[in-house]
């Protein structure tokens, strides 16, 4: 590690130190949260020395509150981005990771149990833990530096009694240290929110049973999240639970998207123009977080998700990119033939196969923990763990592209460093969900 640089003032009022310099443009006015009191937010200006940086980094917010990060390495830029995310969106990040790990009931009690069951059944946490060890060196370093930046702000809160978000104070929550697994789990949850088609499969199953295969095609496409088309009496709509998980997570779902490209031959500048409008719905705070990073010759700006050091729409000095949701079919439901004497065994090619069984406990605020048993066949987890009171869900197994070994973190982190079309296409080959 390099020796600490001396503290110096610079013309724009920010301060450089061998840590992170903070700047917040919100001067004069402060937010009033739920009419309960004033929250001053992070400090308006000043210097903070933190652990985890290789050299100095600087964060200056413009009049719109967008942070502009200057660092010598990309890892340090990710550190500073994590620091800024935590300063501005800590409550949103806490909700996102709890949604992904199936830990909402710890805060909200029984009303969040269905969402926790869904997250546990889809296995975001276990997949994230496995994926971390398999990431490439640069991607893993970026995620670890980002987590260190988040934790640097958490340490500042603890050491200097800096103001926590009102929601955390109200719920008496002390945020746990951030980990790369949190970021990877959030990315899988985001993929699920953007690519749900399971409810459509349930509806099609019912239509085929009632009308036959060919006549049922006239009823599609159907929006997968439309809870009014509940296909089974008593079966809680998978789309409805997914919608609740998307809303609570702060990540939002997708109602559609728009991408427009003007080729260079038709633009006044002679360069191509790209516009991207991700239809993720309005929320407070917004789903996206605008930022600008500069690390040596590398420069990156665009829209991030709090919780991840990834620009999902943006530009570097060579390329620009955006994302649109196609509402493709990314999941299938399989009806397993279960052993009537042992519901953890299922038939395959005339023989009984033993499913994998995962026993977990969901902590619930105000009451005893809720046990959950997740049965996983070769097609995926049975939905009985999401809907334990619905017999029809006992034998339905869910297969989803997001259950792949890779979440897309490697692809997206590599994509934003690309400088040509070949690199861009190669990176996207690793993106399996949504």
Protein backbone atom coordinates (compact mmCIF):
# COMPACT_ATOMS: atom_id res chain seq x y z
CA UNK A 1 0.00 0.00 0.00
CA UNK A 2 1.21 3.48 -0.75
CA UNK A 3 1.97 5.91 2.09
CA UNK A 4 -0.83 8.24 3.00
CA UNK A 5 -0.96 11.42 0.99
CA UNK A 6 -1.19 14.73 2.83
CA UNK A 7 -4.56 16.44 3.04
CA UNK A 8 -4.84 19.22 0.46
CA UNK A 9 -7.66 21.54 -0.49
CA UNK A 10 -8.59 21.85 -4.16
CA UNK A 11 -10.41 24.59 -6.00
CA UNK A 12 -13.85 22.98 -6.05
CA UNK A 13 -13.93 22.63 -2.28
CA UNK A 14 -13.41 18.88 -2.14
CA UNK A 15 -10.47 17.47 -0.19
CA UNK A 16 -7.96 14.85 -1.36
CA UNK A 17 -6.75 12.25 1.13
CA UNK A 18 -5.50 8.66 0.95
CA UNK A 19 -9.06 7.64 1.48
CA UNK A 20 -12.22 9.03 -0.04
CA UNK A 21 -13.14 12.70 -0.28
CA UNK A 22 -16.80 13.34 0.16
CA UNK A 23 -18.97 15.94 -1.46
CA UNK A 24 -22.72 16.32 -1.34
CA UNK A 25 -24.43 18.98 -3.37
CA UNK A 26 -27.54 18.99 -1.21
CA UNK A 27 -26.82 22.17 0.72
CA UNK A 28 -29.48 24.35 2.26
CA UNK A 29 -32.35 21.87 2.09
CA UNK A 30 -32.70 18.53 3.86
CA UNK A 31 -35.17 15.70 3.39
CA UNK A 32 -38.16 15.26 5.68
CA UNK A 33 -38.83 11.54 6.08
CA UNK A 34 -42.34 10.37 6.89
CA UNK A 35 -43.02 13.67 8.67
CA UNK A 36 -41.04 12.39 11.63
CA UNK A 37 -37.96 14.53 11.58
CA UNK A 38 -35.02 15.82 9.62
CA UNK A 39 -32.22 13.64 8.33
CA UNK A 40 -29.09 15.63 7.40
CA UNK A 41 -27.64 12.81 5.32
CA UNK A 42 -23.90 12.38 4.73
CA UNK A 43 -21.53 15.28 5.41
CA UNK A 44 -21.62 18.11 2.88
CA UNK A 45 -17.84 18.31 2.43
CA UNK A 46 -14.67 17.18 4.09
CA UNK A 47 -12.09 14.40 4.15
CA UNK A 48 -12.25 10.91 5.58
CA UNK A 49 -9.36 8.45 5.86
CA UNK A 50 -10.45 4.86 5.27
CA UNK A 51 -8.87 1.44 4.86
CA UNK A 52 -8.97 -0.49 1.64
CA UNK A 53 -7.73 1.90 -1.05
CA UNK A 54 -4.51 1.44 -2.98
CA UNK A 55 -4.08 5.21 -3.45
CA UNK A 56 -6.13 8.40 -3.21
CA UNK A 57 -9.65 8.67 -4.54
CA UNK A 58 -11.93 11.66 -4.85
CA UNK A 59 -15.73 11.91 -5.00
CA UNK A 60 -17.27 15.22 -6.08
CA UNK A 61 -21.01 15.56 -6.55
CA UNK A 62 -22.30 17.95 -9.19
CA UNK A 63 -25.34 20.22 -8.67
CA UNK A 64 -27.62 17.30 -9.59
CA UNK A 65 -26.10 15.07 -6.91
CA UNK A 66 -24.34 12.81 -9.41
CA UNK A 67 -21.00 11.58 -8.00
CA UNK A 68 -17.87 12.03 -10.15
CA UNK A 69 -15.17 9.64 -9.00
CA UNK A 70 -11.48 10.06 -9.76
CA UNK A 71 -9.07 7.26 -8.85
CA UNK A 72 -5.82 5.79 -10.08
CA UNK A 73 -7.11 2.21 -10.46
CA UNK A 74 -10.43 0.70 -11.45
CA UNK A 75 -10.55 -1.16 -8.14
CA UNK A 76 -10.26 2.13 -6.24
CA UNK A 77 -12.99 3.61 -8.42
CA UNK A 78 -15.25 0.66 -7.49
CA UNK A 79 -14.38 1.26 -3.83
CA UNK A 80 -15.42 4.90 -4.10
CA UNK A 81 -18.62 3.98 -5.95
CA UNK A 82 -19.54 1.57 -3.15
CA UNK A 83 -18.85 4.33 -0.63
CA UNK A 84 -21.12 6.78 -2.51
CA UNK A 85 -23.86 4.17 -2.99
CA UNK A 86 -23.88 3.45 0.74
CA UNK A 87 -23.96 7.16 1.62
CA UNK A 88 -26.97 7.85 -0.60
CA UNK A 89 -28.89 4.56 -0.89
CA UNK A 90 -28.09 2.40 2.15
CA UNK A 91 -31.71 1.60 2.94
CA UNK A 92 -32.42 0.66 -0.67
CA UNK A 93 -29.34 -1.58 -0.68
CA UNK A 94 -30.38 -3.21 2.59
CA UNK A 95 -33.81 -4.02 1.18
CA UNK A 96 -32.30 -5.36 -2.04
CA UNK A 97 -29.95 -7.79 -0.36
CA UNK A 98 -32.55 -8.94 2.18
CA UNK A 99 -34.96 -9.55 -0.69
CA UNK A 100 -32.33 -11.60 -2.53
CA UNK A 101 -31.32 -13.63 0.52
CA UNK A 102 -34.91 -14.24 1.69
CA UNK A 103 -34.56 -12.22 4.90
CA UNK A 104 -37.40 -9.70 4.66
CA UNK A 105 -39.50 -11.36 7.36
CA UNK A 106 -36.78 -10.42 9.87
CA UNK A 107 -37.92 -6.83 9.35
CA UNK A 108 -41.58 -7.06 8.37
CA UNK A 109 -42.87 -10.24 10.00
CA UNK A 110 -45.26 -12.78 8.49
CA UNK A 111 -46.41 -10.50 5.67
CA UNK A 112 -43.04 -11.03 3.95
CA UNK A 113 -42.90 -14.81 4.33
CA UNK A 114 -44.15 -15.58 0.81
CA UNK A 115 -41.43 -13.39 -0.69
CA UNK A 116 -38.76 -15.00 1.48
CA UNK A 117 -39.94 -18.48 0.52
CA UNK A 118 -39.67 -17.57 -3.17
CA UNK A 119 -36.14 -16.14 -2.79
CA UNK A 120 -35.00 -19.17 -0.78
CA UNK A 121 -36.56 -21.58 -3.27
CA UNK A 122 -34.86 -19.88 -6.22
CA UNK A 123 -31.59 -20.18 -4.32
CA UNK A 124 -30.06 -16.75 -4.91
CA UNK A 125 -27.83 -16.97 -1.82
CA UNK A 126 -26.37 -20.40 -2.46
CA UNK A 127 -25.72 -19.61 -6.11
CA UNK A 128 -23.97 -16.36 -5.20
CA UNK A 129 -21.71 -18.07 -2.67
CA UNK A 130 -20.70 -20.68 -5.24
CA UNK A 131 -20.18 -18.15 -8.01
CA UNK A 132 -17.81 -15.89 -6.08
CA UNK A 133 -15.01 -18.45 -6.10
CA UNK A 134 -15.43 -18.99 -9.84
CA UNK A 135 -15.22 -15.35 -10.95
CA UNK A 136 -12.33 -14.05 -13.01
CA UNK A 137 -9.63 -12.12 -11.21
CA UNK A 138 -10.66 -8.62 -12.36
CA UNK A 139 -14.38 -9.12 -11.71
CA UNK A 140 -13.75 -10.57 -8.26
CA UNK A 141 -11.39 -7.70 -7.44
CA UNK A 142 -14.01 -5.16 -8.54
CA UNK A 143 -16.74 -6.74 -6.39
CA UNK A 144 -14.42 -7.01 -3.38
CA UNK A 145 -13.30 -3.39 -3.72
CA UNK A 146 -16.92 -2.29 -4.03
CA UNK A 147 -17.87 -4.21 -0.87
CA UNK A 148 -14.92 -2.65 0.96
CA UNK A 149 -16.17 0.79 -0.05
CA UNK A 150 -19.65 0.07 1.31
CA UNK A 151 -18.15 -1.21 4.53
CA UNK A 152 -15.95 1.89 4.84
CA UNK A 153 -19.09 4.00 5.09
CA UNK A 154 -20.65 1.54 7.55
CA UNK A 155 -17.51 1.87 9.67
CA UNK A 156 -17.79 5.65 9.50
CA UNK A 157 -21.39 5.41 10.73
CA UNK A 158 -20.36 3.21 13.64
CA UNK A 159 -17.23 5.17 14.64
CA UNK A 160 -18.47 8.72 14.27
CA UNK A 161 -22.18 8.28 14.93
CA UNK A 162 -22.97 9.42 11.40
CA UNK A 163 -26.65 9.41 10.64
CA UNK A 164 -28.09 6.11 9.53
CA UNK A 165 -31.10 6.21 7.18
CA UNK A 166 -34.31 6.85 9.06
CA UNK A 167 -35.75 3.44 8.08
CA UNK A 168 -32.83 1.60 9.71
CA UNK A 169 -33.18 3.64 12.89
CA UNK A 170 -36.93 3.10 12.98
CA UNK A 171 -36.61 -0.68 12.53
CA UNK A 172 -33.58 -0.81 14.89
CA UNK A 173 -31.44 -2.47 12.22
CA UNK A 174 -27.65 -2.40 12.35
CA UNK A 175 -26.47 -3.17 8.80
CA UNK A 176 -24.19 -6.19 8.50
CA UNK A 177 -20.94 -5.89 6.51
CA UNK A 178 -21.45 -5.95 2.74
CA UNK A 179 -20.04 -8.91 0.80
CA UNK A 180 -19.54 -9.73 -2.90
CA UNK A 181 -22.14 -12.47 -2.38
CA UNK A 182 -24.70 -9.75 -1.60
CA UNK A 183 -24.01 -8.11 -4.97
CA UNK A 184 -24.16 -11.42 -6.85
CA UNK A 185 -27.44 -12.42 -5.17
CA UNK A 186 -28.97 -9.02 -6.03
CA UNK A 187 -27.96 -9.50 -9.67
CA UNK A 188 -29.81 -12.84 -9.80
CA UNK A 189 -32.88 -11.31 -8.18
CA UNK A 190 -32.78 -8.53 -10.76
CA UNK A 191 -32.65 -11.13 -13.54
CA UNK A 192 -35.71 -12.85 -12.05
CA UNK A 193 -37.61 -9.56 -11.87
CA UNK A 194 -36.86 -8.81 -15.52
CA UNK A 195 -37.52 -12.24 -16.97
CA UNK A 196 -40.49 -13.84 -15.26
CA UNK A 197 -42.58 -16.10 -17.45
CA UNK A 198 -43.59 -18.82 -14.96
CA UNK A 199 -47.07 -17.44 -14.37
CA UNK A 200 -47.71 -17.59 -18.10
CA UNK A 201 -46.69 -21.26 -18.01
CA UNK A 202 -49.20 -21.93 -15.22
CA UNK A 203 -51.95 -20.23 -17.18
CA UNK A 204 -51.11 -22.10 -20.36
CA UNK A 205 -51.18 -25.37 -18.44
CA UNK A 206 -54.72 -24.65 -17.30
CA UNK A 207 -55.89 -23.52 -20.74
CA UNK A 208 -54.48 -26.59 -22.46
CA UNK A 209 -56.22 -28.82 -19.93
CA UNK A 210 -59.56 -27.04 -20.51
CA UNK A 211 -59.43 -26.18 -24.22
CA UNK A 212 -56.68 -28.21 -25.84
CA UNK A 213 -53.33 -27.11 -27.21
CA UNK A 214 -54.22 -25.37 -30.49
CA UNK A 215 -57.14 -23.22 -29.22
CA UNK A 216 -55.06 -22.09 -26.23
CA UNK A 217 -52.57 -20.31 -28.46
CA UNK A 218 -55.14 -17.58 -29.16
CA UNK A 219 -54.88 -16.45 -25.53
CA UNK A 220 -51.21 -15.53 -25.71
CA UNK A 221 -49.17 -13.44 -25.18
CA UNK A 222 -50.29 -12.73 -21.61
CA UNK A 223 -48.37 -10.48 -19.25
CA UNK A 224 -46.70 -12.92 -16.83
CA UNK A 225 -47.17 -10.68 -13.78
CA UNK A 226 -50.92 -10.28 -14.23
CA UNK A 227 -52.21 -11.71 -10.97
CA UNK A 228 -55.83 -11.50 -12.16
CA UNK A 229 -55.28 -14.67 -14.24
CA UNK A 230 -54.74 -16.99 -11.31
CA UNK A 231 -54.79 -20.41 -12.99
CA UNK A 232 -55.56 -22.55 -9.94
CA UNK A 233 -58.10 -21.93 -7.20
CA UNK A 234 -56.18 -21.66 -3.93
CA UNK A 235 -52.79 -21.38 -5.60
CA UNK A 236 -51.27 -18.01 -4.80
CA UNK A 237 -50.16 -16.50 -8.07
CA UNK A 238 -46.45 -16.86 -8.63
CA UNK A 239 -46.58 -13.58 -10.54
CA UNK A 240 -48.19 -11.82 -7.59
CA UNK A 241 -45.52 -12.98 -5.16
CA UNK A 242 -42.82 -12.07 -7.68
CA UNK A 243 -44.33 -8.61 -8.08
CA UNK A 244 -44.27 -8.13 -4.30
CA UNK A 245 -40.64 -9.25 -4.18
CA UNK A 246 -39.73 -6.84 -7.00
CA UNK A 247 -41.46 -3.92 -5.28
CA UNK A 248 -39.90 -4.57 -1.89
CA UNK A 249 -36.41 -5.16 -3.28
CA UNK A 250 -36.20 -1.64 -4.70
CA UNK A 251 -35.02 -3.14 -7.99
CA UNK A 252 -38.33 -3.03 -9.81
CA UNK A 253 -39.65 -5.20 -12.60
CA UNK A 254 -39.85 -4.41 -16.28
CA UNK A 255 -42.98 -3.36 -18.15
CA UNK A 256 -41.06 -3.03 -21.40
CA UNK A 257 -38.11 -1.08 -22.76
CA UNK A 258 -37.10 1.05 -25.70
CA UNK A 259 -33.81 1.32 -27.54
CA UNK A 260 -33.20 3.68 -30.47
CA UNK A 261 -30.04 3.78 -32.58
CA UNK A 262 -29.25 6.48 -35.13
CA UNK A 263 -26.44 5.28 -37.44
CA UNK A 264 -23.48 7.55 -38.10
CA UNK A 265 -24.58 8.15 -41.71
CA UNK A 266 -27.76 9.87 -40.43
CA UNK A 267 -26.40 11.90 -37.51
CA UNK A 268 -25.19 15.49 -37.78
CA UNK A 269 -21.97 14.70 -35.94
CA UNK A 270 -21.14 11.73 -38.13
CA UNK A 271 -21.14 9.49 -35.05
CA UNK A 272 -23.84 7.01 -34.03
CA UNK A 273 -26.37 8.02 -31.37
CA UNK A 274 -27.86 5.60 -28.85
CA UNK A 275 -30.91 6.22 -26.64
CA UNK A 276 -32.13 3.71 -24.06
CA UNK A 277 -35.31 3.89 -21.98
CA UNK A 278 -35.59 0.99 -19.51
CA UNK A 279 -39.24 0.84 -18.40
CA UNK A 280 -38.68 -0.12 -14.76
CA UNK A 281 -41.39 2.03 -13.25
CA UNK A 282 -41.19 4.95 -10.86
CA UNK A 283 -40.01 4.53 -7.29
CA UNK A 284 -38.52 6.56 -4.47
CA UNK A 285 -35.59 6.34 -4.47
CA UNK A 286 -35.25 5.57 -8.18
CA UNK A 287 -34.08 2.15 -9.32
CA UNK A 288 -31.05 3.62 -11.09
CA UNK A 289 -28.18 5.66 -9.69
CA UNK A 290 -26.23 7.84 -12.12
CA UNK A 291 -22.45 8.01 -11.70
CA UNK A 292 -19.22 8.89 -13.50
CA UNK A 293 -15.90 7.11 -12.90
CA UNK A 294 -12.42 7.97 -14.13
CA UNK A 295 -9.45 5.71 -13.39
CA UNK A 296 -6.32 6.51 -15.39
CA UNK A 297 -7.17 6.18 -19.07
CA UNK A 298 -10.41 4.36 -18.24
CA UNK A 299 -13.62 6.40 -18.04
CA UNK A 300 -17.17 5.21 -17.49
CA UNK A 301 -20.51 6.95 -16.97
CA UNK A 302 -24.14 5.96 -16.94
CA UNK A 303 -26.71 4.25 -14.72
CA UNK A 304 -25.82 1.79 -11.95
CA UNK A 305 -27.90 -0.21 -9.50
CA UNK A 306 -27.05 0.46 -5.85
CA UNK A 307 -25.45 -2.75 -4.60
CA UNK A 308 -23.39 -3.42 -7.73
CA UNK A 309 -20.30 -1.84 -9.37
CA UNK A 310 -21.87 -2.34 -12.79
CA UNK A 311 -23.22 0.17 -15.30
CA UNK A 312 -26.29 -1.37 -16.91
CA UNK A 313 -26.63 1.43 -19.41
CA UNK A 314 -23.72 3.72 -20.11
CA UNK A 315 -20.66 4.65 -22.09
CA UNK A 316 -16.90 4.47 -21.88
CA UNK A 317 -14.51 6.25 -24.23
CA UNK A 318 -15.03 3.72 -27.03
CA UNK A 319 -18.53 2.22 -26.86
CA UNK A 320 -22.03 2.84 -25.47
CA UNK A 321 -24.69 0.32 -24.52
CA UNK A 322 -28.24 0.04 -23.25
CA UNK A 323 -30.63 -2.73 -22.25
CA UNK A 324 -34.18 -3.62 -23.20
CA UNK A 325 -36.48 -6.34 -21.86
CA UNK A 326 -37.92 -8.70 -24.46
CA UNK A 327 -40.28 -10.68 -22.16
CA UNK A 328 -38.98 -13.92 -23.59
CA UNK A 329 -39.87 -17.29 -22.10
CA UNK A 330 -36.99 -17.98 -19.73
CA UNK A 331 -38.55 -20.63 -17.48
CA UNK A 332 -40.36 -23.94 -17.71
CA UNK A 333 -42.53 -25.85 -15.26
CA UNK A 334 -42.24 -29.64 -15.04
CA UNK A 335 -44.84 -31.84 -13.37
CA UNK A 336 -42.93 -34.53 -11.52
CA UNK A 337 -44.32 -38.00 -10.75
CA UNK A 338 -43.67 -38.32 -7.02
CA UNK A 339 -43.41 -41.46 -4.93
CA UNK A 340 -46.66 -41.58 -2.88
CA UNK A 341 -44.70 -43.12 0.00
CA UNK A 342 -41.83 -40.63 -0.14
CA UNK A 343 -42.49 -37.17 -1.65
CA UNK A 344 -38.74 -36.52 -1.87
CA UNK A 345 -38.41 -39.15 -4.62
CA UNK A 346 -39.51 -38.66 -8.22
CA UNK A 347 -39.74 -40.95 -11.24
CA UNK A 348 -37.24 -40.75 -14.06
CA UNK A 349 -37.11 -43.34 -16.86
CA UNK A 350 -39.13 -45.81 -14.81
CA UNK A 351 -36.96 -45.54 -11.70
CA UNK A 352 -37.26 -43.54 -8.49
CA UNK A 353 -34.66 -40.81 -8.08
CA UNK A 354 -33.88 -39.10 -4.77
CA UNK A 355 -34.30 -35.32 -4.89
CA UNK A 356 -31.97 -33.00 -3.03
CA UNK A 357 -33.57 -31.63 0.13
CA UNK A 358 -32.47 -28.37 1.73
CA UNK A 359 -33.81 -27.52 5.18
CA UNK A 360 -33.69 -23.88 6.24
CA UNK A 361 -35.26 -21.62 8.86
CA UNK A 362 -36.60 -18.15 8.10
CA UNK A 363 -36.33 -15.70 10.98
CA UNK A 364 -39.65 -13.86 11.48
CA UNK A 365 -40.03 -10.64 13.43
CA UNK A 366 -42.33 -11.06 16.40
CA UNK A 367 -42.61 -14.85 16.33
CA UNK A 368 -40.74 -18.14 16.11
CA UNK A 369 -38.68 -18.94 12.97
CA UNK A 370 -40.47 -20.54 10.02
CA UNK A 371 -39.00 -23.87 8.82
CA UNK A 372 -38.80 -24.38 5.07
CA UNK A 373 -37.89 -27.56 3.18
CA UNK A 374 -36.79 -27.07 -0.43
CA UNK A 375 -36.97 -30.18 -2.64
CA UNK A 376 -34.86 -29.93 -5.80
CA UNK A 377 -35.19 -32.35 -8.72
CA UNK A 378 -33.04 -32.39 -11.86
CA UNK A 379 -35.49 -29.86 -13.32
CA UNK A 380 -35.28 -27.44 -10.41
CA UNK A 381 -36.99 -26.77 -7.05
CA UNK A 382 -40.55 -27.87 -6.39
CA UNK A 383 -42.95 -24.97 -5.79
CA UNK A 384 -44.29 -26.60 -2.63
CA UNK A 385 -41.74 -24.58 -0.64
CA UNK A 386 -43.26 -21.36 -2.04
CA UNK A 387 -46.90 -22.46 -1.64
CA UNK A 388 -46.90 -25.02 1.21
CA UNK A 389 -50.70 -24.99 1.55
CA UNK A 390 -51.46 -25.68 -2.13
CA UNK A 391 -51.46 -29.37 -3.15
CA UNK A 392 -51.16 -28.47 -6.85
CA UNK A 393 -47.72 -26.97 -6.17
CA UNK A 394 -46.37 -30.19 -4.62
CA UNK A 395 -45.24 -31.70 -7.92
CA UNK A 396 -44.38 -28.63 -10.01
CA UNK A 397 -40.63 -28.09 -10.56
CA UNK A 398 -39.34 -24.76 -11.84
CA UNK A 399 -36.44 -24.51 -14.29
CA UNK A 400 -35.16 -20.99 -14.96
CA UNK A 401 -32.20 -19.70 -16.96
CA UNK A 402 -31.06 -17.66 -13.95
CA UNK A 403 -30.30 -20.89 -12.07
CA UNK A 404 -27.19 -21.25 -14.25
CA UNK A 405 -23.75 -21.22 -12.67
CA UNK A 406 -23.09 -17.65 -13.86
CA UNK A 407 -25.23 -14.69 -12.85
CA UNK A 408 -23.96 -12.39 -15.60
CA UNK A 409 -21.66 -10.40 -13.30
CA UNK A 410 -18.61 -11.53 -15.26
CA UNK A 411 -20.21 -10.62 -18.59
CA UNK A 412 -21.45 -7.19 -17.51
CA UNK A 413 -18.25 -6.21 -15.70
CA UNK A 414 -16.23 -7.21 -18.77
CA UNK A 415 -18.65 -5.49 -21.15
CA UNK A 416 -18.20 -2.05 -19.61
CA UNK A 417 -14.44 -2.28 -20.20
CA UNK A 418 -14.79 -3.27 -23.87
CA UNK A 419 -13.49 -1.04 -26.65
CA UNK A 420 -14.74 -2.81 -29.78
CA UNK A 421 -17.57 -4.87 -31.22
CA UNK A 422 -15.76 -8.19 -30.89
CA UNK A 423 -15.17 -7.74 -27.16
CA UNK A 424 -18.77 -6.61 -26.69
CA UNK A 425 -20.21 -9.72 -28.38
CA UNK A 426 -17.81 -12.03 -26.56
CA UNK A 427 -18.86 -10.58 -23.21
CA UNK A 428 -22.55 -11.00 -23.99
CA UNK A 429 -22.07 -14.72 -24.68
CA UNK A 430 -21.59 -15.10 -20.93
CA UNK A 431 -24.88 -13.34 -20.11
CA UNK A 432 -27.45 -16.08 -19.47
CA UNK A 433 -30.14 -14.19 -17.55
CA UNK A 434 -32.46 -12.47 -18.01
